[in-house]
Amino acid sequence: MAERFVTPKTSLRDAINNAAGPIALSNRVLLQFAPLSFALFIGSSPTRLSGSILEWFIVATVGYLATVIVLLAFRATVLPVTPGRKPKLLLTSLAYVVAGLARGLSVYTTGAALGVMPEAELWYRLVGGPLYVYGSIAILAIFNASRMRHEKTLAELEAEKAELDELRGGIRERIRLQRADLLRRVQVALEPAVKQIQSELESSSKTVSAKLTDLVETVVRPLSRDIGLNSQIDNQVNQITRRASGAYSKSRFPSRLSAGAMIVPEIAFFGTASIAIASNVITFPDAVLLTSVVSLLVILASYKFFQFILKNVWVPFVVALLISMLIAAVCGVMANTALALLGFGLNPTLYIQSISAQVVITLVSFYMQFLRTQRSDAEREMKNVVSDLAIMNSQLRQEVWLNRRRIASILHGSVQSALYASAIRLAKSQSPSAEEIESVQSDISAAINKLESGEGTENFVDVLEQIRDVWEGAVEVELPQLSKELVAQLEANPVASACAAEVVREAVSNAAKHGKAEHVVIAIELTGPHLLGITVTNDGQPLPAEIEAGYGSSILDEVAFSWQLENRGGYTVLGAAIAI
């Protein structure tokens, strides 16, 4: 089944603001008013008042020029078309009325001079001119505001997307060039200190434990924080990915529309008023108010009726267009029938002209709704894109972290954990056995090797087991049972896998260091099509009222889509979501 395109409800306030805004007197609107202005004269006047097409073309030209000159005068003085200007309803209405009066008077004077305008037409032109100018210009302003807003939105979104794509293209290479220098800094600072401790392992366990702890506090942590500070590249990435929330592709042509949603009774009412009232002045001069009220109420009620019964009728674009035209004709017939029942019937020419006017007004409102439907679809799609970009934003931060700061995270994570765990185990033993010394040496050597190798891609399950083994004897770590599907998904996404592992490693390390935890439980599951949920619960000391953010928090900010740390039911719980 074809996709349904939802048309938003018309906002009367927005329509009024657009009709009184800067777009109303723009060149675009004034040029679009020309064919409407000429069509009204040439389409109706010759058949009603006689005269040649050329004569009425001259009348129409004078009327159009008089209208535009007045509107341009208002634009040059009190109603500038400056973008962003606030709507000025009273001044704009005054401009419409004055321009309409100028139009009516100039048309009557020119027509009388050419011999095609009888004296009885004066009041019709003076009343009809302002009404027609007001209705036509206002509808064109509403139409163009909707269209320009649609075009502007898409253009801005395309620019945002292009800027994001350009940044993503060059970021990885620039990060790669920094790796060698970062690794050299780490090795120069860390390796001599570790070798000295390794050479003293057979001395007092308390002394070695203290030195291991001191190494972490004076070398590892400051060095990891220094390397992990944001660079200009990272700041650019973060800035552009925040702006990328508007990325969007192309507007789509609606396949199925709500037939009722394409009908706008208010526009039909407004457009009909701009024509019918003036027409009644000359057609029914003794009953202008009655005929105008009846025809307008019937038009509004009939359009409302069809809008209601067709709101859940979803049809292709062409069918919706034909239905709207048919409804316009039917509503026009109903209004004329109501007048006829009251004894105010129209002659065949005026009857056809009134029906034609309804069809034209409805076509204009249909196109306005069509554009609003496209924009609504663009905005709906944009929300989906924003959701996807939020994931992409997180994945981009993951790549930045993985490529530029992997060394810093290894220092803060694997190396620090290994040294702290070794220090805790040695502190519990008065005289370490050969096996304990060998275990400490193995942990430290493994951490150094991980730095030198740059920590290649690791199996996520193996990483969890390594975390548990590193803390064995110091903290009991309970690992989750992972499904085959989840493991496969992690193996297929090494960046997300590394980030998930770092979240777990950071949570366990903090539980031991800051919370003095003895038992940690890890839970991992998919919480969405692109999100991996990680929960790490420990039985350590509760979190203080105020927590000072450290380097570990900055790692979580980068690698996690979202995260929170809280006291819950006597336990400390870290919850994080990883984009995958």
Protein backbone atom coordinates (compact mmCIF):
# COMPACT_ATOMS: atom_id res chain seq x y z
CA MET A 1 0.00 0.00 0.00
CA ALA A 2 1.29 3.46 -0.93
CA GLU A 3 2.58 5.65 1.88
CA ARG A 4 0.17 8.19 3.35
CA PHE A 5 1.31 11.81 3.51
CA VAL A 6 -0.24 13.75 6.38
CA THR A 7 -1.31 17.34 5.76
CA PRO A 8 -1.07 19.52 8.89
CA LYS A 9 -3.99 21.61 10.06
CA THR A 10 -4.09 25.18 8.82
CA SER A 11 -3.05 27.76 11.40
CA LEU A 12 -5.27 30.85 11.14
CA ARG A 13 -2.78 32.91 13.13
CA ASP A 14 0.09 31.99 10.80
CA ALA A 15 -2.08 32.79 7.78
CA ILE A 16 -2.94 36.26 9.13
CA ASN A 17 0.71 36.95 9.99
CA ASN A 18 1.82 35.93 6.52
CA ALA A 19 -0.86 38.09 4.89
CA ALA A 20 0.40 41.09 6.88
CA GLY A 21 4.10 40.24 6.73
CA PRO A 22 6.90 41.47 4.46
CA ILE A 23 6.18 38.88 1.75
CA ALA A 24 2.78 40.50 1.06
CA LEU A 25 4.23 43.45 -0.89
CA SER A 26 7.20 41.62 -2.40
CA ASN A 27 7.91 41.70 -6.14
CA ARG A 28 6.98 38.03 -6.37
CA VAL A 29 3.48 38.61 -5.01
CA LEU A 30 2.88 41.74 -7.08
CA LEU A 31 3.90 39.91 -10.26
CA GLN A 32 1.71 36.92 -9.42
CA PHE A 33 -1.19 39.29 -8.85
CA ALA A 34 -0.98 40.43 -12.50
CA PRO A 35 -2.58 37.37 -14.15
CA LEU A 36 -5.33 37.30 -11.52
CA SER A 37 -5.99 41.00 -12.03
CA PHE A 38 -6.16 40.74 -15.82
CA ALA A 39 -8.16 37.49 -15.78
CA LEU A 40 -10.92 39.04 -13.67
CA PHE A 41 -11.46 41.92 -16.08
CA ILE A 42 -11.10 40.07 -19.36
CA GLY A 43 -12.96 36.98 -18.18
CA SER A 44 -16.08 38.64 -16.83
CA SER A 45 -16.46 42.24 -18.01
CA PRO A 46 -16.85 41.88 -21.82
CA THR A 47 -19.70 39.36 -21.50
CA ARG A 48 -21.46 41.45 -18.85
CA LEU A 49 -20.88 44.99 -20.15
CA SER A 50 -19.90 44.47 -23.82
CA GLY A 51 -16.80 46.09 -25.29
CA SER A 52 -13.79 44.56 -27.06
CA ILE A 53 -11.01 42.52 -25.49
CA LEU A 54 -8.53 45.28 -26.38
CA GLU A 55 -10.58 47.91 -24.56
CA TRP A 56 -10.83 45.79 -21.44
CA PHE A 57 -7.14 44.95 -21.67
CA ILE A 58 -6.42 48.69 -21.46
CA VAL A 59 -8.77 48.98 -18.48
CA ALA A 60 -7.12 45.99 -16.81
CA THR A 61 -3.64 47.44 -17.38
CA VAL A 62 -4.60 50.75 -15.81
CA GLY A 63 -6.22 48.97 -12.87
CA TYR A 64 -3.21 46.77 -12.26
CA LEU A 65 -0.75 49.67 -12.48
CA ALA A 66 -2.82 51.81 -10.12
CA THR A 67 -2.95 48.95 -7.60
CA VAL A 68 0.77 48.23 -7.75
CA ILE A 69 1.81 51.89 -7.59
CA VAL A 70 -0.10 52.40 -4.35
CA LEU A 71 1.27 49.19 -2.83
CA LEU A 72 4.82 50.15 -3.86
CA ALA A 73 4.33 53.52 -2.19
CA PHE A 74 3.36 51.80 1.06
CA ARG A 75 6.32 49.45 0.65
CA ALA A 76 8.73 52.36 0.22
CA THR A 77 7.47 54.14 3.33
CA VAL A 78 5.82 52.20 6.14
CA LEU A 79 5.74 48.56 4.96
CA PRO A 80 9.26 47.57 3.88
CA VAL A 81 9.84 44.03 2.66
CA THR A 82 12.79 43.56 5.01
CA PRO A 83 13.08 39.85 5.90
CA GLY A 84 12.03 39.20 9.47
CA ARG A 85 9.85 42.31 9.73
CA LYS A 86 6.99 41.79 12.14
CA PRO A 87 3.47 41.60 10.66
CA LYS A 88 1.61 44.92 10.60
CA LEU A 89 -2.03 43.97 10.21
CA LEU A 90 -3.60 47.44 10.41
CA LEU A 91 -1.11 49.14 8.09
CA THR A 92 -1.21 46.27 5.61
CA SER A 93 -5.02 46.28 5.61
CA LEU A 94 -4.95 50.03 5.01
CA ALA A 95 -2.59 49.50 2.08
CA TYR A 96 -4.93 46.90 0.58
CA VAL A 97 -7.96 49.16 0.96
CA VAL A 98 -6.26 52.25 -0.47
CA ALA A 99 -4.82 50.25 -3.36
CA GLY A 100 -8.26 48.73 -4.00
CA LEU A 101 -9.92 52.15 -4.03
CA ALA A 102 -7.29 53.45 -6.42
CA ARG A 103 -7.86 50.40 -8.57
CA GLY A 104 -11.63 50.81 -8.61
CA LEU A 105 -11.55 54.56 -9.33
CA SER A 106 -8.93 54.27 -12.09
CA VAL A 107 -10.80 51.35 -13.69
CA TYR A 108 -14.08 53.25 -13.64
CA THR A 109 -12.51 56.42 -15.03
CA THR A 110 -10.68 54.56 -17.83
CA GLY A 111 -13.69 52.42 -18.69
CA ALA A 112 -15.98 55.45 -18.78
CA ALA A 113 -13.53 57.26 -21.08
CA LEU A 114 -13.54 54.26 -23.44
CA GLY A 115 -17.32 54.01 -23.32
CA VAL A 116 -17.50 50.54 -21.82
CA MET A 117 -18.20 51.47 -18.17
CA PRO A 118 -21.76 52.60 -17.26
CA GLU A 119 -22.30 54.99 -14.39
CA ALA A 120 -23.92 52.25 -12.29
CA GLU A 121 -20.53 50.50 -12.11
CA LEU A 122 -18.97 53.14 -9.83
CA TRP A 123 -20.12 51.67 -6.50
CA TYR A 124 -19.35 48.16 -7.69
CA ARG A 125 -15.76 49.17 -8.52
CA LEU A 126 -15.27 51.14 -5.31
CA VAL A 127 -16.52 48.23 -3.19
CA GLY A 128 -15.09 45.42 -5.29
CA GLY A 129 -11.63 46.94 -5.73
CA PRO A 130 -10.60 46.86 -2.04
CA LEU A 131 -12.22 43.46 -1.47
CA TYR A 132 -10.53 41.88 -4.48
CA VAL A 133 -7.11 43.38 -3.71
CA TYR A 134 -7.37 42.38 -0.07
CA GLY A 135 -8.42 38.82 -0.85
CA SER A 136 -6.05 38.19 -3.75
CA ILE A 137 -2.89 39.74 -2.28
CA ALA A 138 -3.49 38.14 1.12
CA ILE A 139 -3.97 34.66 -0.38
CA LEU A 140 -0.88 35.10 -2.59
CA ALA A 141 1.13 36.22 0.46
CA ILE A 142 0.02 33.17 2.44
CA PHE A 143 0.83 30.92 -0.51
CA ASN A 144 4.29 32.40 -1.08
CA ALA A 145 5.20 32.44 2.60
CA SER A 146 4.48 28.72 2.77
CA ARG A 147 6.47 28.06 -0.38
CA MET A 148 9.45 30.19 0.65
CA ARG A 149 9.54 28.64 4.09
CA HIS A 150 9.62 25.20 2.48
CA GLU A 151 12.45 26.16 0.12
CA LYS A 152 14.46 27.90 2.83
CA THR A 153 14.16 24.96 5.20
CA LEU A 154 15.39 22.47 2.62
CA ALA A 155 18.26 24.74 1.51
CA GLU A 156 19.48 25.21 5.09
CA LEU A 157 19.25 21.49 5.79
CA GLU A 158 21.23 20.64 2.64
CA ALA A 159 23.95 23.11 3.66
CA GLU A 160 24.16 21.58 7.12
CA LYS A 161 24.48 18.09 5.70
CA ALA A 162 27.15 19.12 3.18
CA GLU A 163 29.23 20.74 5.92
CA LEU A 164 29.01 17.64 8.07
CA ASP A 165 30.03 15.36 5.20
CA GLU A 166 33.01 17.58 4.37
CA LEU A 167 34.26 17.52 7.94
CA ARG A 168 33.86 13.76 8.25
CA GLY A 169 35.90 13.26 5.10
CA GLY A 170 39.11 14.77 6.49
CA ILE A 171 38.96 14.10 10.20
CA ARG A 172 40.31 10.54 10.25
CA GLU A 173 43.51 11.28 8.36
CA ARG A 174 44.36 14.21 10.61
CA ILE A 175 43.85 12.05 13.69
CA ARG A 176 46.03 9.25 12.35
CA LEU A 177 49.02 11.58 12.04
CA GLN A 178 48.85 12.34 15.77
CA ARG A 179 49.12 8.73 16.94
CA ALA A 180 52.87 8.29 16.61
CA ASP A 181 53.62 11.40 18.63
CA LEU A 182 51.14 10.45 21.36
CA LEU A 183 52.58 6.95 21.69
CA ARG A 184 56.10 8.35 21.95
CA ARG A 185 55.04 10.69 24.78
CA VAL A 186 53.50 7.79 26.70
CA GLN A 187 56.50 5.50 26.35
CA VAL A 188 58.99 8.19 27.39
CA ALA A 189 57.00 9.01 30.54
CA LEU A 190 55.77 5.58 31.63
CA GLU A 191 58.22 2.87 30.65
CA PRO A 192 61.18 3.83 32.92
CA ALA A 193 58.94 4.06 35.98
CA VAL A 194 57.32 0.67 35.32
CA LYS A 195 60.70 -1.01 34.80
CA GLN A 196 61.93 0.32 38.14
CA ILE A 197 58.89 -1.11 39.94
CA GLN A 198 59.27 -4.44 38.15
CA SER A 199 62.85 -4.65 39.37
CA GLU A 200 61.70 -4.17 43.00
CA LEU A 201 58.85 -6.67 43.03
CA GLU A 202 60.66 -9.07 45.33
CA SER A 203 61.10 -6.42 48.02
CA SER A 204 58.45 -5.46 50.58
CA SER A 205 54.98 -5.93 49.15
CA LYS A 206 53.72 -2.87 51.04
CA THR A 207 56.47 -0.73 49.50
CA VAL A 208 55.80 -2.00 45.98
CA SER A 209 52.05 -1.55 46.47
CA ALA A 210 52.63 2.06 47.50
CA LYS A 211 54.88 2.65 44.49
CA LEU A 212 52.33 1.15 42.14
CA THR A 213 49.65 3.43 43.54
CA ASP A 214 52.00 6.39 43.35
CA LEU A 215 52.81 5.56 39.73
CA VAL A 216 49.15 5.67 38.88
CA GLU A 217 48.51 8.97 40.68
CA THR A 218 51.66 10.83 39.56
CA VAL A 219 52.20 9.47 36.04
CA VAL A 220 49.33 7.45 34.60
CA ARG A 221 46.36 9.62 35.55
CA PRO A 222 47.95 13.03 34.75
CA LEU A 223 49.31 11.66 31.47
CA SER A 224 45.98 10.12 30.43
CA ARG A 225 44.19 13.37 31.26
CA ASP A 226 46.71 15.42 29.28
CA ILE A 227 46.48 13.20 26.20
CA GLY A 228 42.74 12.98 26.48
CA LEU A 229 42.07 16.73 26.41
CA ASN A 230 39.97 17.88 23.49
CA SER A 231 41.88 19.11 20.48
CA GLN A 232 40.67 21.71 18.00
CA ILE A 233 39.67 18.85 15.72
CA ASP A 234 37.45 17.34 18.41
CA ASN A 235 35.80 20.68 19.06
CA GLN A 236 35.07 21.07 15.35
CA VAL A 237 33.57 17.60 15.24
CA ASN A 238 31.38 18.22 18.26
CA GLN A 239 30.20 21.57 16.92
CA ILE A 240 29.30 20.34 13.46
CA THR A 241 27.62 17.18 14.66
CA ARG A 242 25.40 19.25 16.93
CA ARG A 243 24.45 21.39 13.95
CA ALA A 244 23.85 18.29 11.85
CA SER A 245 20.49 17.70 13.49
CA GLY A 246 18.90 19.33 10.46
CA ALA A 247 20.41 17.16 7.76
CA TYR A 248 17.83 16.16 5.16
CA SER A 249 17.75 15.04 1.55
CA LYS A 250 15.08 16.00 -1.00
CA SER A 251 11.38 16.72 -0.65
CA ARG A 252 9.16 13.94 -1.91
CA PHE A 253 6.09 14.05 -4.09
CA PRO A 254 3.09 12.87 -2.03
CA SER A 255 1.70 9.56 -3.25
CA ARG A 256 -1.51 9.39 -1.17
CA LEU A 257 -3.27 12.34 0.41
CA SER A 258 -6.23 12.88 2.68
CA ALA A 259 -8.90 14.32 0.38
CA GLY A 260 -10.45 16.22 3.28
CA ALA A 261 -7.18 17.72 4.43
CA MET A 262 -6.66 19.34 1.03
CA ILE A 263 -9.84 21.40 1.51
CA VAL A 264 -9.45 24.71 3.36
CA PRO A 265 -12.88 26.24 4.18
CA GLU A 266 -11.34 29.43 5.57
CA ILE A 267 -9.48 30.20 2.33
CA ALA A 268 -12.62 29.42 0.32
CA PHE A 269 -14.64 31.76 2.56
CA PHE A 270 -12.06 34.55 2.36
CA GLY A 271 -11.58 34.23 -1.39
CA THR A 272 -15.32 34.12 -2.04
CA ALA A 273 -15.87 37.21 0.09
CA SER A 274 -13.42 39.20 -2.00
CA ILE A 275 -15.51 38.51 -5.11
CA ALA A 276 -19.10 37.79 -4.04
CA ILE A 277 -19.75 40.90 -1.94
CA ALA A 278 -18.75 43.24 -4.75
CA SER A 279 -20.73 41.19 -7.24
CA ASN A 280 -23.82 41.40 -5.07
CA VAL A 281 -23.51 45.20 -4.98
CA ILE A 282 -24.38 45.36 -8.67
CA THR A 283 -26.38 42.14 -9.05
CA PHE A 284 -28.62 42.53 -5.98
CA PRO A 285 -28.19 46.19 -4.94
CA ASP A 286 -31.22 46.11 -2.65
CA ALA A 287 -30.15 42.95 -0.78
CA VAL A 288 -26.35 43.11 -0.65
CA LEU A 289 -26.08 42.15 3.02
CA LEU A 290 -28.58 39.29 2.86
CA THR A 291 -27.19 37.71 -0.31
CA SER A 292 -23.59 38.10 0.86
CA VAL A 293 -24.25 36.54 4.27
CA VAL A 294 -26.22 33.63 2.81
CA SER A 295 -23.72 32.80 0.07
CA LEU A 296 -20.71 33.02 2.39
CA LEU A 297 -22.33 30.95 5.15
CA VAL A 298 -23.32 28.25 2.66
CA ILE A 299 -19.82 28.23 1.19
CA LEU A 300 -18.19 27.92 4.62
CA ALA A 301 -20.63 25.25 5.86
CA SER A 302 -20.46 23.14 2.70
CA TYR A 303 -16.66 23.19 2.56
CA LYS A 304 -16.55 22.28 6.27
CA PHE A 305 -18.93 19.40 5.63
CA PHE A 306 -16.86 17.93 2.81
CA GLN A 307 -13.64 18.48 4.76
CA PHE A 308 -15.07 16.43 7.63
CA ILE A 309 -16.47 13.48 5.67
CA LEU A 310 -13.36 13.15 3.48
CA LYS A 311 -10.66 13.55 6.15
CA ASN A 312 -10.09 9.77 6.32
CA VAL A 313 -10.35 9.19 2.58
CA TRP A 314 -6.80 8.58 1.30
CA VAL A 315 -6.39 8.85 -2.44
CA PRO A 316 -3.62 9.47 -5.01
CA PHE A 317 -2.63 13.06 -5.78
CA VAL A 318 -4.54 13.29 -9.05
CA VAL A 319 -7.72 11.91 -7.48
CA ALA A 320 -7.43 14.34 -4.57
CA LEU A 321 -7.08 17.20 -7.05
CA LEU A 322 -10.17 16.11 -9.03
CA ILE A 323 -12.17 15.68 -5.81
CA SER A 324 -11.24 19.21 -4.69
CA MET A 325 -12.32 20.69 -8.03
CA LEU A 326 -15.58 18.75 -7.92
CA ILE A 327 -16.27 19.90 -4.37
CA ALA A 328 -15.60 23.50 -5.38
CA ALA A 329 -18.19 23.23 -8.13
CA VAL A 330 -20.71 21.51 -5.83
CA CYS A 331 -20.25 24.14 -3.11
CA GLY A 332 -20.72 26.89 -5.68
CA VAL A 333 -23.92 25.25 -6.90
CA MET A 334 -25.17 24.91 -3.31
CA ALA A 335 -24.55 28.61 -2.61
CA ASN A 336 -26.29 29.68 -5.81
CA THR A 337 -29.19 27.31 -5.11
CA ALA A 338 -29.64 28.83 -1.65
CA LEU A 339 -29.79 32.29 -3.22
CA ALA A 340 -32.27 31.08 -5.84
CA LEU A 341 -34.56 29.66 -3.14
CA LEU A 342 -34.63 33.12 -1.59
CA GLY A 343 -35.50 34.65 -4.95
CA PHE A 344 -32.02 35.85 -5.90
CA GLY A 345 -31.14 33.71 -8.89
CA LEU A 346 -28.14 34.49 -11.13
CA ASN A 347 -28.20 34.63 -14.90
CA PRO A 348 -26.29 31.83 -16.71
CA THR A 349 -23.17 33.96 -17.29
CA LEU A 350 -22.82 35.04 -13.65
CA TYR A 351 -23.69 31.51 -12.53
CA ILE A 352 -20.81 30.00 -14.53
CA GLN A 353 -18.44 32.77 -13.42
CA SER A 354 -19.23 32.14 -9.73
CA ILE A 355 -18.59 28.42 -10.12
CA SER A 356 -15.36 29.11 -11.99
CA ALA A 357 -14.25 31.47 -9.21
CA GLN A 358 -14.81 28.72 -6.62
CA VAL A 359 -12.71 26.28 -8.66
CA VAL A 360 -9.86 28.80 -9.01
CA ILE A 361 -9.90 29.63 -5.29
CA THR A 362 -9.92 25.92 -4.44
CA LEU A 363 -7.02 25.20 -6.80
CA VAL A 364 -4.96 27.90 -5.09
CA SER A 365 -5.75 26.51 -1.63
CA PHE A 366 -5.09 22.95 -2.88
CA TYR A 367 -1.62 23.94 -4.04
CA MET A 368 -0.97 25.68 -0.73
CA GLN A 369 -1.95 22.50 1.10
CA PHE A 370 0.19 20.45 -1.27
CA LEU A 371 3.25 22.52 -0.32
CA ARG A 372 2.37 22.28 3.36
CA THR A 373 2.08 18.50 2.96
CA GLN A 374 5.52 18.35 1.39
CA ARG A 375 6.97 20.50 4.15
CA SER A 376 5.26 18.41 6.81
CA ASP A 377 6.69 15.28 5.26
CA ALA A 378 10.11 16.93 5.14
CA GLU A 379 9.85 17.81 8.82
CA ARG A 380 8.64 14.32 9.70
CA GLU A 381 11.49 12.79 7.77
CA MET A 382 13.82 15.28 9.39
CA LYS A 383 12.81 13.98 12.81
CA ASN A 384 13.74 10.50 11.67
CA VAL A 385 16.99 11.85 10.28
CA VAL A 386 17.65 13.66 13.54
CA SER A 387 17.24 10.37 15.36
CA ASP A 388 19.62 8.67 12.95
CA LEU A 389 22.04 11.59 13.19
CA ALA A 390 21.99 11.37 16.95
CA ILE A 391 23.26 7.82 16.52
CA MET A 392 25.72 8.94 13.86
CA ASN A 393 26.83 11.78 16.10
CA SER A 394 27.60 9.31 18.85
CA GLN A 395 29.38 6.99 16.41
CA LEU A 396 31.47 9.90 15.16
CA ARG A 397 32.50 10.73 18.71
CA GLN A 398 33.34 7.07 19.17
CA GLU A 399 35.64 7.11 16.14
CA VAL A 400 37.31 10.31 17.27
CA TRP A 401 37.90 8.80 20.67
CA LEU A 402 39.07 5.46 19.28
CA ASN A 403 41.47 6.98 16.75
CA ARG A 404 42.93 9.87 18.73
CA ARG A 405 42.53 8.95 22.38
CA ARG A 406 42.90 5.21 22.45
CA ILE A 407 46.26 5.59 24.14
CA ALA A 408 44.81 7.87 26.78
CA SER A 409 41.99 5.43 27.51
CA ILE A 410 44.42 2.51 27.69
CA LEU A 411 46.47 4.46 30.22
CA HIS A 412 43.42 5.36 32.25
CA GLY A 413 41.77 1.99 31.82
CA SER A 414 43.95 -1.08 31.25
CA VAL A 415 47.22 0.26 32.66
CA GLN A 416 45.64 2.00 35.63
CA SER A 417 43.42 -1.00 36.37
CA ALA A 418 46.35 -3.39 36.16
CA LEU A 419 48.49 -1.27 38.48
CA TYR A 420 45.69 -0.63 40.97
CA ALA A 421 44.64 -4.29 41.02
CA SER A 422 48.25 -5.34 41.54
CA ALA A 423 48.64 -2.79 44.30
CA ILE A 424 45.49 -4.02 46.06
CA ARG A 425 46.55 -7.68 45.83
CA LEU A 426 50.08 -6.93 47.09
CA ALA A 427 48.71 -4.83 49.95
CA LYS A 428 46.71 -7.85 51.15
CA SER A 429 49.82 -10.03 51.26
CA GLN A 430 52.66 -9.68 53.77
CA SER A 431 55.03 -11.76 51.66
CA PRO A 432 53.97 -12.25 48.01
CA SER A 433 54.47 -15.72 46.59
CA ALA A 434 56.27 -16.40 43.32
CA GLU A 435 52.92 -16.92 41.62
CA GLU A 436 51.62 -13.55 42.87
CA ILE A 437 54.78 -11.78 41.72
CA GLU A 438 54.54 -13.47 38.34
CA SER A 439 50.86 -12.45 38.08
CA VAL A 440 51.71 -8.81 38.84
CA GLN A 441 54.54 -8.84 36.31
CA SER A 442 52.23 -10.40 33.73
CA ASP A 443 49.53 -7.76 34.27
CA ILE A 444 51.99 -4.88 33.99
CA SER A 445 53.69 -6.37 30.93
CA ALA A 446 50.31 -6.94 29.28
CA ALA A 447 49.35 -3.31 29.91
CA ILE A 448 52.63 -2.05 28.41
CA ASN A 449 52.27 -4.37 25.42
CA LYS A 450 48.78 -3.04 24.87
CA LEU A 451 50.19 0.47 24.68
CA GLU A 452 52.91 -0.53 22.23
CA SER A 453 50.50 -2.42 20.00
CA GLY A 454 47.90 0.33 20.06
CA GLU A 455 45.32 -2.18 21.33
CA GLY A 456 44.14 -3.88 18.18
CA THR A 457 40.64 -5.12 17.75
CA GLU A 458 39.68 -7.49 20.55
CA ASN A 459 36.85 -9.91 20.97
CA PHE A 460 34.29 -8.28 23.25
CA VAL A 461 33.69 -11.45 25.25
CA ASP A 462 37.44 -11.83 25.75
CA VAL A 463 37.69 -8.23 26.93
CA LEU A 464 34.99 -8.84 29.55
CA GLU A 465 36.85 -11.89 30.77
CA GLN A 466 40.09 -9.91 30.88
CA ILE A 467 38.40 -7.27 33.01
CA ARG A 468 37.17 -9.95 35.38
CA ASP A 469 40.61 -11.62 35.51
CA VAL A 470 42.42 -8.32 36.14
CA TRP A 471 40.27 -7.65 39.20
CA GLU A 472 40.24 -11.23 40.47
CA GLY A 473 41.24 -11.28 44.12
CA ALA A 474 40.41 -7.62 44.52
CA VAL A 475 36.81 -7.29 43.28
CA GLU A 476 34.33 -9.99 42.31
CA VAL A 477 33.07 -9.16 38.79
CA GLU A 478 29.94 -10.96 37.55
CA LEU A 479 29.76 -11.07 33.74
CA PRO A 480 26.54 -11.14 31.68
CA GLN A 481 25.28 -13.95 29.47
CA LEU A 482 25.38 -12.62 25.92
CA SER A 483 23.22 -14.00 23.12
CA LYS A 484 24.83 -15.18 19.90
CA GLU A 485 23.04 -12.42 17.98
CA LEU A 486 24.41 -9.73 20.29
CA VAL A 487 27.94 -11.10 20.14
CA ALA A 488 27.76 -11.23 16.34
CA GLN A 489 26.56 -7.64 16.21
CA LEU A 490 29.42 -6.50 18.44
CA GLU A 491 31.98 -8.38 16.38
CA ALA A 492 30.63 -6.72 13.25
CA ASN A 493 31.12 -3.27 14.82
CA PRO A 494 34.60 -3.08 16.37
CA VAL A 495 34.28 0.63 17.19
CA ALA A 496 31.11 0.14 19.22
CA SER A 497 32.60 -3.00 20.75
CA ALA A 498 35.70 -1.11 21.93
CA CYS A 499 33.54 1.71 23.31
CA ALA A 500 31.26 -0.71 25.15
CA ALA A 501 34.30 -2.43 26.64
CA GLU A 502 35.69 0.91 27.79
CA VAL A 503 32.41 1.78 29.52
CA VAL A 504 32.48 -1.52 31.41
CA ARG A 505 36.16 -1.12 32.26
CA GLU A 506 35.63 2.43 33.51
CA ALA A 507 32.61 1.43 35.59
CA VAL A 508 34.40 -1.47 37.28
CA SER A 509 37.52 0.60 37.91
CA ASN A 510 35.51 3.44 39.48
CA ALA A 511 33.52 1.00 41.59
CA ALA A 512 36.75 -0.35 43.05
CA LYS A 513 38.69 2.91 43.39
CA HIS A 514 36.02 5.35 44.52
CA GLY A 515 33.30 3.10 45.91
CA LYS A 516 35.50 0.42 47.53
CA ALA A 517 33.13 -2.13 46.02
CA GLU A 518 33.59 -5.85 46.54
CA HIS A 519 31.00 -7.10 44.05
CA VAL A 520 30.13 -5.76 40.58
CA VAL A 521 27.37 -7.06 38.29
CA ILE A 522 27.40 -6.28 34.56
CA ALA A 523 24.27 -6.46 32.37
CA ILE A 524 24.24 -5.88 28.59
CA GLU A 525 21.31 -5.93 26.15
CA LEU A 526 20.05 -4.31 22.97
CA THR A 527 17.65 -1.50 23.90
CA GLY A 528 16.86 -0.45 20.32
CA PRO A 529 17.81 -1.18 16.73
CA HIS A 530 20.94 0.95 17.07
CA LEU A 531 21.53 1.14 20.82
CA LEU A 532 23.33 -1.20 23.21
CA GLY A 533 22.35 -0.82 26.86
CA ILE A 534 24.98 -1.39 29.55
CA THR A 535 24.20 -1.50 33.28
CA VAL A 536 26.97 -1.88 35.86
CA THR A 537 25.80 -2.30 39.47
CA ASN A 538 28.15 -2.36 42.47
CA ASP A 539 27.78 -2.72 46.23
CA GLY A 540 30.27 0.02 47.07
CA GLN A 541 29.84 3.26 48.93
CA PRO A 542 26.90 5.39 47.77
CA LEU A 543 27.57 8.39 45.57
CA PRO A 544 28.02 11.73 47.36
CA ALA A 545 25.50 14.52 46.84
CA GLU A 546 27.91 16.34 44.55
CA ILE A 547 30.18 14.48 42.17
CA GLU A 548 33.17 16.15 40.55
CA ALA A 549 33.50 15.08 36.93
CA GLY A 550 36.83 13.46 36.10
CA TYR A 551 38.53 12.11 33.04
CA GLY A 552 36.43 8.97 33.23
CA SER A 553 33.32 11.13 32.80
CA SER A 554 34.78 12.73 29.68
CA ILE A 555 35.38 9.27 28.21
CA LEU A 556 31.76 8.33 28.89
CA ASP A 557 30.60 11.59 27.31
CA GLU A 558 32.42 10.68 24.13
CA VAL A 559 31.86 6.96 23.73
CA ALA A 560 28.31 6.73 25.08
CA PHE A 561 25.15 7.90 23.35
CA SER A 562 23.85 8.68 26.83
CA TRP A 563 24.77 7.69 30.38
CA GLN A 564 23.84 8.29 34.01
CA LEU A 565 25.30 7.36 37.39
CA GLU A 566 23.00 7.10 40.39
CA ASN A 567 22.28 5.50 43.74
CA ARG A 568 19.51 2.94 43.41
CA GLY A 569 18.16 0.64 46.12
CA GLY A 570 21.36 0.57 48.16
CA TYR A 571 23.56 0.06 45.11
CA THR A 572 25.50 2.35 42.80
CA VAL A 573 24.38 1.92 39.18
CA LEU A 574 25.99 3.15 35.99
CA GLY A 575 23.65 3.00 32.99
CA ALA A 576 24.94 3.74 29.49
CA ALA A 577 23.72 3.43 25.91
CA ILE A 578 26.21 2.78 23.11
CA ALA A 579 25.44 3.56 19.47
CA ILE A 580 25.93 0.39 17.46
